[in-house]
Amino acid sequence: MTKTIPFKRAAANLAATLCTVLGVMSTVPAVAQTQTLAQPQSEAALIAHGEYLARAGDCIACHTAASGKPFAGGLKFDTPIGAIYSTNITPAHDTGIGAWTFAQFDRAVRAGVKPNGDTLYPAMPYPSYARLSDDDMHALYAYFTKGVAPVEQKNRAVDIVWPLSMRWPLGVWRHLFAPQPVAFDAKHYDDPVLARGAYLVQGLGHCGACHTPRAATMQERALSDTDGPAFLAGGASIDGWVPSSLRGNPRTGVGAWSEADLVQFLKTGRTQHSAAFGGMTDVVQHSMQHMSDADLTAIARYLKTLPSNDAQETPYAYDDTAARALRSGDATAPGAAVYRDNCTACHRSDGRGYNRVFPALGGNPVVQGKDATSLIHVLLTGSTLAGTQTAPSSFTMPPFGWRLNDQEVADVSNFVRHSWGNAGSTVSADDVARVRKTVKVEPPPMPPGASLGH
C-alpha cells in the first residue's frame, strides 16, 4: 500500500528523474559543528526533547509503512521511473541506525549523505533540515538511538532499473540546490517568538517542501523569507492536491486569518475558514496537534509576517446574492441545483458552513485558488477530517464522483467558486476528467442490507 505524502513524493520524483540527466560527481564534507550543547541535560530529558522534535518534524509519517512498526521504514514512494521506499530509522544494529555515530546521523539529516557516502533521495527534506541546531540534532539522535524500539527489518531496494538507479546524480542535485548545514540566524528577526516560528517553519517543519513552488529542476524556489516572495507562495499539484499559499494573500492565502485562526488550524485541522485535506491531514495528526501552544503561536505569528505575493489580489467581501436565490427556491444558475441537492445540508445556502465542523465555502482559500484541482479532488473522492486531542469529533464528506458526471462536477465547482463573493477561475468538464483519471473514485461504504438505489 502506498501512503500519500505529497510534498515528499514530489522530492522523490525529482530525484529519480534527475538520475537520468545529470553526470557530475560531487562530495560533501562532514557537517561542521557550529554550536555546543547549551547546558548538560539528563539522558531522559534529552530523549524526551528528541521525541518532541521528531513529532514536530513528522518523521513517523514517512518512515512507517501502513500497518508497519513505527520508524521501521518500507513506505512506498512512486516516481516516474520506479518506486523508492523509506528506510528503517530504528536503533536496530544491523538494519537500522543502531550502529551510526552521531556524526553519521547528523550528516544524513542535515546534509543528505549516508554513512557510505551515497546521497539520500530528497524525499528526505534535508534542504530544510540543514538549518537545525546542534542541540536539536543531539536530542534527535538520543531519541532515535535510545527512545525508539529497535526493529530488525531490512530496507527495501528501489524498484528502479539500472542505469536509472545510479545514486551519484543525486549528489549533483544536492551540490547545486541543497545548502550546506549552517546555523539558523535568529538575528534576522527582532522578536524571539518570530525567530522561533521562523526556525520551525523553515527547518524542522519543512513547510516549504510542500507550500513553496519548485523550479524546472524541482528545487524549492526559496528556502526562507529572505530568499524572496516565492517562499510559501503555494505549491504545484501533487497527487491531485494543490498546497495553498501560507502568505498574506487576502483570498488565496491566510491574509484573512488571525493568529488564533492559524493556531487552531494547526492544532485541530479546522477553522471557520477551511479544513485540512490531503497530506495536511497527516501533518495535523502526526505532528502539529502534539506541539506546544507556544510553538504553534510562534509558527502562526511568523506566517502572519509574510506579505501577499500578489498585488492584484483584492480582499474577500461576502455577497449574499447566491444565498438569497437558493433560499427563495431559485436554483436555475448552472450548478445551483447540484449544490442544493448535495451540499446545502453541511455548507448551507449561505456558504458559511458550521464553524469547526463543516468549513465555509465563501472566502475559503482552497475554493478560490487559481488551480481548482484540490476542490475537484474533494468533490470526486470525498475527505475525512479526523479527530484530534482537542477536537475529537471526526467528520467525513462523502464522495460524489461515483454519481456526478464531469459536467455536473464542473458546474457545482463553478457555482461555489463564483458565489458568496468568491472569485475563482472557471472549471471545465475536461478539467474534471483530467483529475478523475488520477484519483480513485468509489461509492461510499453502505450499511449491510442497504442499497445505493440506482
Protein backbone atom coordinates (compact mmCIF):
# COMPACT_ATOMS: atom_id res chain seq x y z
CA MET A 1 0.00 0.00 0.00
CA THR A 2 1.25 3.46 -0.85
CA LYS A 3 0.53 6.28 1.55
CA THR A 4 0.16 9.76 0.13
CA ILE A 5 2.78 12.17 1.45
CA PRO A 6 2.56 14.76 -1.34
CA PHE A 7 5.47 17.08 -0.68
CA LYS A 8 7.94 14.29 -0.03
CA ARG A 9 6.74 12.36 -3.06
CA ALA A 10 7.43 15.44 -5.17
CA ALA A 11 11.01 15.47 -3.96
CA ALA A 12 11.31 11.76 -4.66
CA ASN A 13 10.01 12.28 -8.17
CA LEU A 14 12.57 14.99 -8.72
CA ALA A 15 15.46 12.90 -7.51
CA ALA A 16 14.60 9.87 -9.61
CA THR A 17 14.07 11.94 -12.73
CA LEU A 18 17.37 13.78 -12.33
CA CYS A 19 19.18 10.46 -12.19
CA THR A 20 18.57 10.21 -15.92
CA VAL A 21 20.13 13.51 -16.89
CA LEU A 22 22.94 14.59 -14.57
CA GLY A 23 26.53 13.49 -14.91
CA VAL A 24 28.95 15.10 -12.45
CA MET A 25 30.18 13.62 -9.19
CA SER A 26 30.20 15.81 -6.09
CA THR A 27 31.16 15.34 -2.47
CA VAL A 28 30.11 16.96 0.76
CA PRO A 29 32.26 17.49 3.81
CA ALA A 30 31.23 16.31 7.22
CA VAL A 31 28.86 18.68 8.97
CA ALA A 32 30.73 21.35 10.85
CA GLN A 33 29.74 21.65 14.49
CA THR A 34 28.82 25.30 14.88
CA GLN A 35 27.43 25.15 18.40
CA THR A 36 27.83 23.21 21.59
CA LEU A 37 25.06 22.00 23.83
CA ALA A 38 23.76 24.95 25.83
CA GLN A 39 23.84 23.00 29.08
CA PRO A 40 24.08 19.38 30.14
CA GLN A 41 20.76 17.55 30.19
CA SER A 42 19.79 14.26 31.75
CA GLU A 43 19.51 11.46 29.25
CA ALA A 44 15.77 11.15 29.91
CA ALA A 45 15.23 14.86 29.29
CA LEU A 46 17.28 14.73 26.10
CA ILE A 47 15.31 11.74 24.80
CA ALA A 48 12.01 13.43 25.66
CA HIS A 49 13.08 16.57 23.83
CA GLY A 50 14.11 14.47 20.84
CA GLU A 51 10.72 12.78 20.79
CA TYR A 52 9.04 16.18 20.69
CA LEU A 53 11.29 17.27 17.83
CA ALA A 54 10.59 14.05 15.91
CA ARG A 55 6.88 14.78 16.17
CA ALA A 56 7.42 18.37 15.07
CA GLY A 57 9.32 17.07 12.04
CA ASP A 58 6.61 14.48 11.29
CA CYS A 59 9.25 11.77 10.91
CA ILE A 60 6.81 8.94 11.54
CA ALA A 61 4.65 9.83 8.53
CA CYS A 62 7.34 8.82 6.04
CA HIS A 63 9.27 6.20 7.97
CA THR A 64 6.32 3.99 8.89
CA ALA A 65 4.58 1.77 6.34
CA ALA A 66 0.86 1.05 6.54
CA SER A 67 0.37 -1.48 9.37
CA GLY A 68 4.13 -1.42 9.95
CA LYS A 69 6.19 -0.89 13.08
CA PRO A 70 6.97 2.76 13.97
CA PHE A 71 10.02 4.12 12.13
CA ALA A 72 10.86 0.74 10.56
CA GLY A 73 10.52 2.16 7.05
CA GLY A 74 9.08 0.49 3.99
CA LEU A 75 6.67 3.22 2.93
CA LYS A 76 6.46 3.31 -0.85
CA PHE A 77 7.03 6.45 -2.91
CA ASP A 78 6.12 6.19 -6.57
CA THR A 79 8.31 8.11 -9.02
CA PRO A 80 8.16 8.41 -12.82
CA ILE A 81 10.85 5.74 -13.22
CA GLY A 82 10.01 3.39 -10.37
CA ALA A 83 9.43 3.17 -6.63
CA ILE A 84 11.63 4.03 -3.68
CA TYR A 85 10.97 3.06 -0.06
CA SER A 86 11.60 4.89 3.18
CA THR A 87 14.34 3.48 5.38
CA ASN A 88 14.47 1.89 8.81
CA ILE A 89 15.49 4.56 11.33
CA THR A 90 15.02 2.47 14.46
CA PRO A 91 18.13 1.67 16.53
CA ALA A 92 18.32 -1.86 15.13
CA HIS A 93 22.04 -2.58 14.80
CA ASP A 94 22.06 -4.46 11.51
CA THR A 95 19.13 -2.99 9.56
CA GLY A 96 18.52 0.38 11.21
CA ILE A 97 20.73 3.17 12.51
CA GLY A 98 21.85 1.50 15.71
CA ALA A 99 25.48 1.39 14.57
CA TRP A 100 25.56 5.01 13.40
CA THR A 101 27.67 7.55 15.23
CA PHE A 102 26.27 10.98 15.96
CA ALA A 103 28.39 12.43 13.18
CA GLN A 104 26.93 9.97 10.68
CA PHE A 105 23.38 10.64 11.83
CA ASP A 106 23.99 14.39 11.71
CA ARG A 107 25.43 14.22 8.20
CA ALA A 108 22.45 12.21 6.93
CA VAL A 109 19.82 14.50 8.43
CA ARG A 110 21.39 17.89 7.71
CA ALA A 111 23.43 17.17 4.59
CA GLY A 112 21.59 14.27 2.99
CA VAL A 113 24.58 11.89 2.91
CA LYS A 114 24.52 8.27 4.12
CA PRO A 115 27.44 6.78 6.06
CA ASN A 116 28.64 5.03 2.88
CA GLY A 117 28.77 8.36 1.04
CA ASP A 118 25.61 7.92 -1.05
CA THR A 119 23.29 10.90 -1.34
CA LEU A 120 19.82 10.41 0.07
CA TYR A 121 16.82 10.96 -2.17
CA PRO A 122 15.49 14.41 -1.29
CA ALA A 123 12.19 12.81 -0.31
CA MET A 124 14.12 13.31 2.93
CA PRO A 125 13.82 17.12 3.28
CA TYR A 126 17.44 17.73 4.20
CA PRO A 127 17.50 21.12 2.39
CA SER A 128 15.22 22.30 5.21
CA TYR A 129 16.85 20.28 7.99
CA ALA A 130 20.18 21.89 7.08
CA ARG A 131 19.40 24.73 9.48
CA LEU A 132 18.66 22.58 12.55
CA SER A 133 20.73 23.45 15.59
CA ASP A 134 23.36 21.17 17.07
CA ASP A 135 21.34 20.99 20.29
CA ASP A 136 18.31 19.69 18.44
CA MET A 137 20.40 17.23 16.46
CA HIS A 138 21.81 15.77 19.69
CA ALA A 139 18.29 15.42 21.08
CA LEU A 140 17.03 13.72 17.92
CA TYR A 141 19.98 11.34 17.97
CA ALA A 142 19.30 10.47 21.60
CA TYR A 143 15.65 9.74 20.84
CA PHE A 144 16.20 7.64 17.73
CA THR A 145 19.02 5.61 19.28
CA LYS A 146 17.65 5.21 22.81
CA GLY A 147 13.95 6.15 22.81
CA VAL A 148 12.67 4.16 19.83
CA ALA A 149 12.12 0.42 19.89
CA PRO A 150 14.57 -1.38 17.57
CA VAL A 151 13.01 -3.30 14.68
CA GLU A 152 15.24 -5.60 12.65
CA GLN A 153 13.65 -5.06 9.26
CA LYS A 154 15.73 -4.85 6.11
CA ASN A 155 15.41 -1.80 3.92
CA ARG A 156 13.77 -2.42 0.58
CA ALA A 157 15.81 -1.81 -2.53
CA VAL A 158 14.49 0.71 -5.03
CA ASP A 159 12.31 -0.62 -7.84
CA ILE A 160 14.23 1.34 -10.46
CA VAL A 161 16.13 -0.36 -13.27
CA TRP A 162 19.81 0.32 -13.91
CA PRO A 163 21.23 2.74 -15.02
CA LEU A 164 18.41 4.96 -13.75
CA SER A 165 19.00 3.59 -10.26
CA MET A 166 22.52 5.05 -10.01
CA ARG A 167 22.88 7.30 -6.98
CA TRP A 168 25.69 9.63 -8.00
CA PRO A 169 23.47 12.06 -9.99
CA LEU A 170 21.67 12.80 -6.73
CA GLY A 171 24.93 14.22 -5.43
CA VAL A 172 24.92 16.71 -8.28
CA TRP A 173 21.45 17.91 -7.37
CA ARG A 174 22.43 18.16 -3.72
CA HIS A 175 25.57 20.11 -4.59
CA LEU A 176 23.60 22.56 -6.73
CA PHE A 177 20.43 23.08 -4.72
CA ALA A 178 20.81 21.94 -1.10
CA PRO A 179 22.53 24.40 1.25
CA GLN A 180 25.43 23.28 3.37
CA PRO A 181 24.37 22.96 7.01
CA VAL A 182 24.61 26.35 8.68
CA ALA A 183 23.37 27.66 12.00
CA PHE A 184 19.96 29.33 11.84
CA ASP A 185 20.42 33.10 12.12
CA ALA A 186 17.89 34.36 14.66
CA LYS A 187 19.30 37.91 14.36
CA HIS A 188 17.21 38.45 11.24
CA TYR A 189 14.12 38.55 13.48
CA ASP A 190 13.70 41.24 16.11
CA ASP A 191 11.28 39.17 18.21
CA PRO A 192 12.35 35.86 19.79
CA VAL A 193 8.87 34.45 19.17
CA LEU A 194 9.17 35.27 15.47
CA ALA A 195 12.65 33.76 15.40
CA ARG A 196 11.33 30.55 16.95
CA GLY A 197 8.49 30.43 14.42
CA ALA A 198 10.87 31.00 11.51
CA TYR A 199 13.18 28.26 12.79
CA LEU A 200 10.33 25.77 12.99
CA VAL A 201 8.74 26.68 9.65
CA GLN A 202 11.96 26.83 7.65
CA GLY A 203 13.67 23.92 9.38
CA LEU A 204 12.07 21.09 11.27
CA GLY A 205 8.57 21.75 9.95
CA HIS A 206 9.93 21.85 6.35
CA CYS A 207 6.72 23.65 5.31
CA GLY A 208 8.31 24.94 2.12
CA ALA A 209 8.79 21.40 0.81
CA CYS A 210 5.08 21.42 0.06
CA HIS A 211 3.95 25.05 0.07
CA THR A 212 6.75 26.64 -1.98
CA PRO A 213 6.73 26.42 -5.80
CA ARG A 214 9.56 24.49 -7.43
CA ALA A 215 11.75 25.28 -10.40
CA ALA A 216 12.04 23.13 -13.53
CA THR A 217 14.83 21.22 -11.80
CA MET A 218 12.45 20.71 -8.87
CA GLN A 219 14.31 22.54 -6.13
CA GLU A 220 12.27 24.91 -3.97
CA ARG A 221 12.42 28.43 -5.39
CA ALA A 222 13.04 29.81 -1.89
CA LEU A 223 14.05 28.21 1.39
CA SER A 224 13.26 31.17 3.65
CA ASP A 225 11.56 34.57 3.65
CA THR A 226 14.94 36.18 2.94
CA ASP A 227 15.00 34.43 -0.44
CA GLY A 228 12.04 36.35 -1.83
CA PRO A 229 8.24 36.23 -2.18
CA ALA A 230 8.15 32.71 -3.66
CA PHE A 231 8.64 31.29 -0.16
CA LEU A 232 5.41 29.53 0.94
CA ALA A 233 3.52 31.05 -2.01
CA GLY A 234 1.78 27.74 -2.76
CA GLY A 235 2.96 24.56 -4.42
CA ALA A 236 2.11 22.75 -7.63
CA SER A 237 -0.42 19.93 -7.91
CA ILE A 238 0.92 16.71 -6.41
CA ASP A 239 -1.17 13.55 -6.22
CA GLY A 240 -4.24 15.58 -7.06
CA TRP A 241 -3.81 18.18 -4.29
CA VAL A 242 -2.59 21.76 -4.59
CA PRO A 243 -0.88 23.14 -1.45
CA SER A 244 -2.21 26.61 -0.67
CA SER A 245 -0.25 29.79 -0.11
CA LEU A 246 0.72 30.41 3.51
CA ARG A 247 1.46 34.06 2.82
CA GLY A 248 -0.80 37.04 3.43
CA ASN A 249 -2.71 36.76 0.16
CA PRO A 250 -6.18 38.12 1.05
CA ARG A 251 -8.12 35.47 -0.90
CA THR A 252 -5.88 32.54 -1.77
CA GLY A 253 -3.61 32.67 1.30
CA VAL A 254 -4.08 33.25 5.01
CA GLY A 255 -4.30 37.05 4.87
CA ALA A 256 -7.84 36.98 6.28
CA TRP A 257 -6.89 34.59 9.08
CA SER A 258 -5.97 35.77 12.55
CA GLU A 259 -3.07 34.38 14.54
CA ALA A 260 -5.62 32.48 16.64
CA ASP A 261 -7.17 31.01 13.47
CA LEU A 262 -3.81 29.67 12.38
CA VAL A 263 -3.07 28.13 15.78
CA GLN A 264 -6.49 26.48 15.79
CA PHE A 265 -5.99 25.10 12.28
CA LEU A 266 -2.56 23.66 13.09
CA LYS A 267 -3.88 22.11 16.29
CA THR A 268 -7.20 20.74 15.03
CA GLY A 269 -7.18 20.89 11.22
CA ARG A 270 -10.27 23.07 11.18
CA THR A 271 -11.30 26.72 11.45
CA GLN A 272 -14.20 28.87 10.35
CA HIS A 273 -12.31 29.46 7.08
CA SER A 274 -11.26 25.99 5.94
CA ALA A 275 -10.40 22.41 6.85
CA ALA A 276 -7.32 20.26 6.34
CA PHE A 277 -7.25 17.87 3.38
CA GLY A 278 -4.82 15.63 1.55
CA GLY A 279 -1.33 15.43 3.02
CA MET A 280 -2.09 18.19 5.54
CA THR A 281 -4.34 15.81 7.47
CA ASP A 282 -1.26 13.65 8.19
CA VAL A 283 0.68 16.72 9.32
CA VAL A 284 -2.02 17.66 11.81
CA GLN A 285 -2.49 14.09 13.02
CA HIS A 286 1.14 13.08 13.45
CA SER A 287 2.81 16.40 14.11
CA MET A 288 1.09 19.71 14.75
CA GLN A 289 -1.53 18.61 17.29
CA HIS A 290 1.29 17.36 19.53
CA MET A 291 3.22 20.63 19.54
CA SER A 292 3.09 23.12 22.39
CA ASP A 293 0.82 26.16 22.24
CA ALA A 294 3.93 28.32 22.46
CA ASP A 295 5.43 26.75 19.34
CA LEU A 296 2.16 26.84 17.42
CA THR A 297 1.79 30.51 18.33
CA ALA A 298 5.35 31.17 17.15
CA ILE A 299 4.61 29.48 13.82
CA ALA A 300 1.38 31.43 13.36
CA ARG A 301 2.98 34.74 14.28
CA TYR A 302 5.80 34.16 11.83
CA LEU A 303 3.42 33.23 9.00
CA LYS A 304 1.46 36.42 9.63
CA THR A 305 4.60 38.45 8.83
CA LEU A 306 4.77 37.12 5.26
CA PRO A 307 3.09 39.63 2.92
CA SER A 308 0.97 38.72 -0.08
CA ASN A 309 2.92 37.90 -3.20
CA ASP A 310 0.05 39.06 -5.47
CA ALA A 311 -0.56 42.80 -5.55
CA GLN A 312 -3.60 42.32 -7.80
CA GLU A 313 -5.48 40.10 -5.36
CA THR A 314 -8.30 42.03 -3.67
CA PRO A 315 -9.65 41.32 -0.19
CA TYR A 316 -12.63 39.00 0.08
CA ALA A 317 -16.07 40.55 0.69
CA TYR A 318 -19.19 38.44 1.24
CA ASP A 319 -22.02 38.68 -1.33
CA ASP A 320 -25.44 37.22 -0.43
CA THR A 321 -26.87 37.03 -3.98
CA ALA A 322 -26.49 33.25 -4.27
CA ALA A 323 -27.78 32.70 -0.75
CA ARG A 324 -30.95 34.74 -1.41
CA ALA A 325 -31.59 32.85 -4.66
CA LEU A 326 -31.25 29.45 -3.01
CA ARG A 327 -33.47 30.42 -0.10
CA SER A 328 -36.18 31.60 -2.48
CA GLY A 329 -36.10 28.28 -4.33
CA ASP A 330 -34.25 29.62 -7.37
CA ALA A 331 -31.69 27.01 -8.45
CA THR A 332 -31.57 27.94 -12.13
CA ALA A 333 -27.93 29.07 -12.11
CA PRO A 334 -25.58 26.39 -13.51
CA GLY A 335 -24.54 24.11 -10.69
CA ALA A 336 -27.05 25.58 -8.20
CA ALA A 337 -29.35 22.57 -8.29
CA VAL A 338 -26.41 20.19 -7.78
CA TYR A 339 -25.28 22.30 -4.83
CA ARG A 340 -28.80 22.45 -3.36
CA ASP A 341 -29.26 18.69 -3.59
CA ASN A 342 -25.85 17.65 -2.33
CA CYS A 343 -24.12 20.41 -0.38
CA THR A 344 -26.53 22.69 1.49
CA ALA A 345 -27.08 20.34 4.43
CA CYS A 346 -23.48 20.82 5.53
CA HIS A 347 -22.29 24.02 3.86
CA ARG A 348 -25.66 25.85 3.99
CA SER A 349 -27.28 28.03 1.39
CA ASP A 350 -25.19 30.97 2.55
CA GLY A 351 -21.93 29.03 2.00
CA ARG A 352 -20.84 29.68 5.57
CA GLY A 353 -20.91 26.09 6.81
CA TYR A 354 -20.77 25.31 10.52
CA ASN A 355 -17.80 26.63 12.46
CA ARG A 356 -15.20 23.94 13.24
CA VAL A 357 -17.47 21.25 11.80
CA PHE A 358 -18.14 21.83 8.10
CA PRO A 359 -15.91 24.51 6.57
CA ALA A 360 -17.22 27.66 4.97
CA LEU A 361 -17.04 27.83 1.19
CA GLY A 362 -17.44 31.59 0.97
CA GLY A 363 -13.96 33.11 1.30
CA ASN A 364 -12.29 29.70 1.51
CA PRO A 365 -8.73 29.95 0.08
CA VAL A 366 -8.93 26.46 -1.44
CA VAL A 367 -12.20 27.24 -3.21
CA GLN A 368 -10.78 30.49 -4.61
CA GLY A 369 -7.37 29.13 -5.58
CA LYS A 370 -6.12 29.72 -9.10
CA ASP A 371 -5.92 25.95 -9.60
CA ALA A 372 -9.19 24.12 -8.80
CA THR A 373 -7.58 20.67 -8.62
CA SER A 374 -8.00 20.26 -4.85
CA LEU A 375 -11.66 21.28 -4.98
CA ILE A 376 -12.35 18.84 -7.82
CA HIS A 377 -10.46 16.10 -5.98
CA VAL A 378 -12.54 16.55 -2.83
CA LEU A 379 -15.77 16.53 -4.80
CA LEU A 380 -14.80 13.33 -6.60
CA THR A 381 -13.37 11.32 -3.70
CA GLY A 382 -14.62 12.96 -0.51
CA SER A 383 -12.46 13.70 2.51
CA THR A 384 -12.28 12.83 6.20
CA LEU A 385 -11.30 15.30 8.90
CA ALA A 386 -10.03 13.05 11.69
CA GLY A 387 -10.40 13.90 15.34
CA THR A 388 -7.55 15.36 17.34
CA GLN A 389 -6.76 15.64 21.05
CA THR A 390 -8.59 18.95 21.38
CA ALA A 391 -11.21 18.36 18.66
CA PRO A 392 -12.06 14.66 18.97
CA SER A 393 -15.01 14.56 16.60
CA SER A 394 -14.38 13.21 13.11
CA PHE A 395 -16.32 14.46 10.08
CA THR A 396 -16.47 12.95 6.61
CA MET A 397 -17.51 14.47 3.31
CA PRO A 398 -18.78 11.62 1.10
CA PRO A 399 -17.50 11.13 -2.45
CA PHE A 400 -19.69 12.45 -5.24
CA GLY A 401 -17.65 11.38 -8.26
CA TRP A 402 -19.34 7.98 -8.44
CA ARG A 403 -22.73 9.55 -9.26
CA LEU A 404 -21.97 13.02 -10.66
CA ASN A 405 -20.60 13.22 -14.18
CA ASP A 406 -17.76 15.51 -15.22
CA GLN A 407 -20.06 18.32 -16.34
CA GLU A 408 -22.05 18.23 -13.09
CA VAL A 409 -18.84 18.37 -11.04
CA ALA A 410 -17.62 21.27 -13.17
CA ASP A 411 -20.94 23.09 -12.76
CA VAL A 412 -21.02 22.79 -8.97
CA SER A 413 -17.33 23.72 -8.80
CA ASN A 414 -18.04 26.89 -10.74
CA PHE A 415 -21.08 27.63 -8.60
CA VAL A 416 -19.09 27.63 -5.37
CA ARG A 417 -16.12 29.41 -6.98
CA HIS A 418 -18.33 32.28 -8.15
CA SER A 419 -20.84 32.56 -5.27
CA TRP A 420 -20.83 34.39 -1.91
CA GLY A 421 -18.17 36.82 -3.10
CA ASN A 422 -15.72 34.16 -4.30
CA ALA A 423 -13.62 34.89 -7.37
CA GLY A 424 -12.18 31.65 -8.71
CA SER A 425 -11.37 30.75 -12.28
CA THR A 426 -13.78 28.72 -14.41
CA VAL A 427 -13.66 24.91 -14.33
CA SER A 428 -14.44 22.82 -17.42
CA ALA A 429 -15.62 19.23 -17.75
CA ASP A 430 -12.22 18.47 -19.30
CA ASP A 431 -10.53 19.75 -16.11
CA VAL A 432 -12.65 17.34 -14.08
CA ALA A 433 -11.88 14.46 -16.45
CA ARG A 434 -8.14 15.05 -16.03
CA VAL A 435 -8.38 14.88 -12.26
CA ARG A 436 -10.70 11.86 -12.38
CA LYS A 437 -8.04 9.89 -14.25
CA THR A 438 -5.57 10.40 -11.40
CA VAL A 439 -7.77 9.52 -8.41
CA LYS A 440 -9.72 6.51 -7.19
CA VAL A 441 -13.46 7.20 -7.29
CA GLU A 442 -15.61 4.80 -5.29
CA PRO A 443 -19.14 4.89 -3.84
CA PRO A 444 -19.36 5.41 -0.08
CA PRO A 445 -19.49 2.28 2.10
CA MET A 446 -23.04 1.19 2.77
CA PRO A 447 -24.51 -0.50 5.87
CA PRO A 448 -25.37 -4.20 5.49
CA GLY A 449 -28.56 -4.67 3.50
CA ALA A 450 -28.61 -1.08 2.24
CA SER A 451 -28.84 -0.15 -1.43
CA LEU A 452 -27.42 2.71 -3.46
CA GLY A 453 -30.84 2.95 -5.05
CA HIS A 454 -29.92 3.21 -8.75
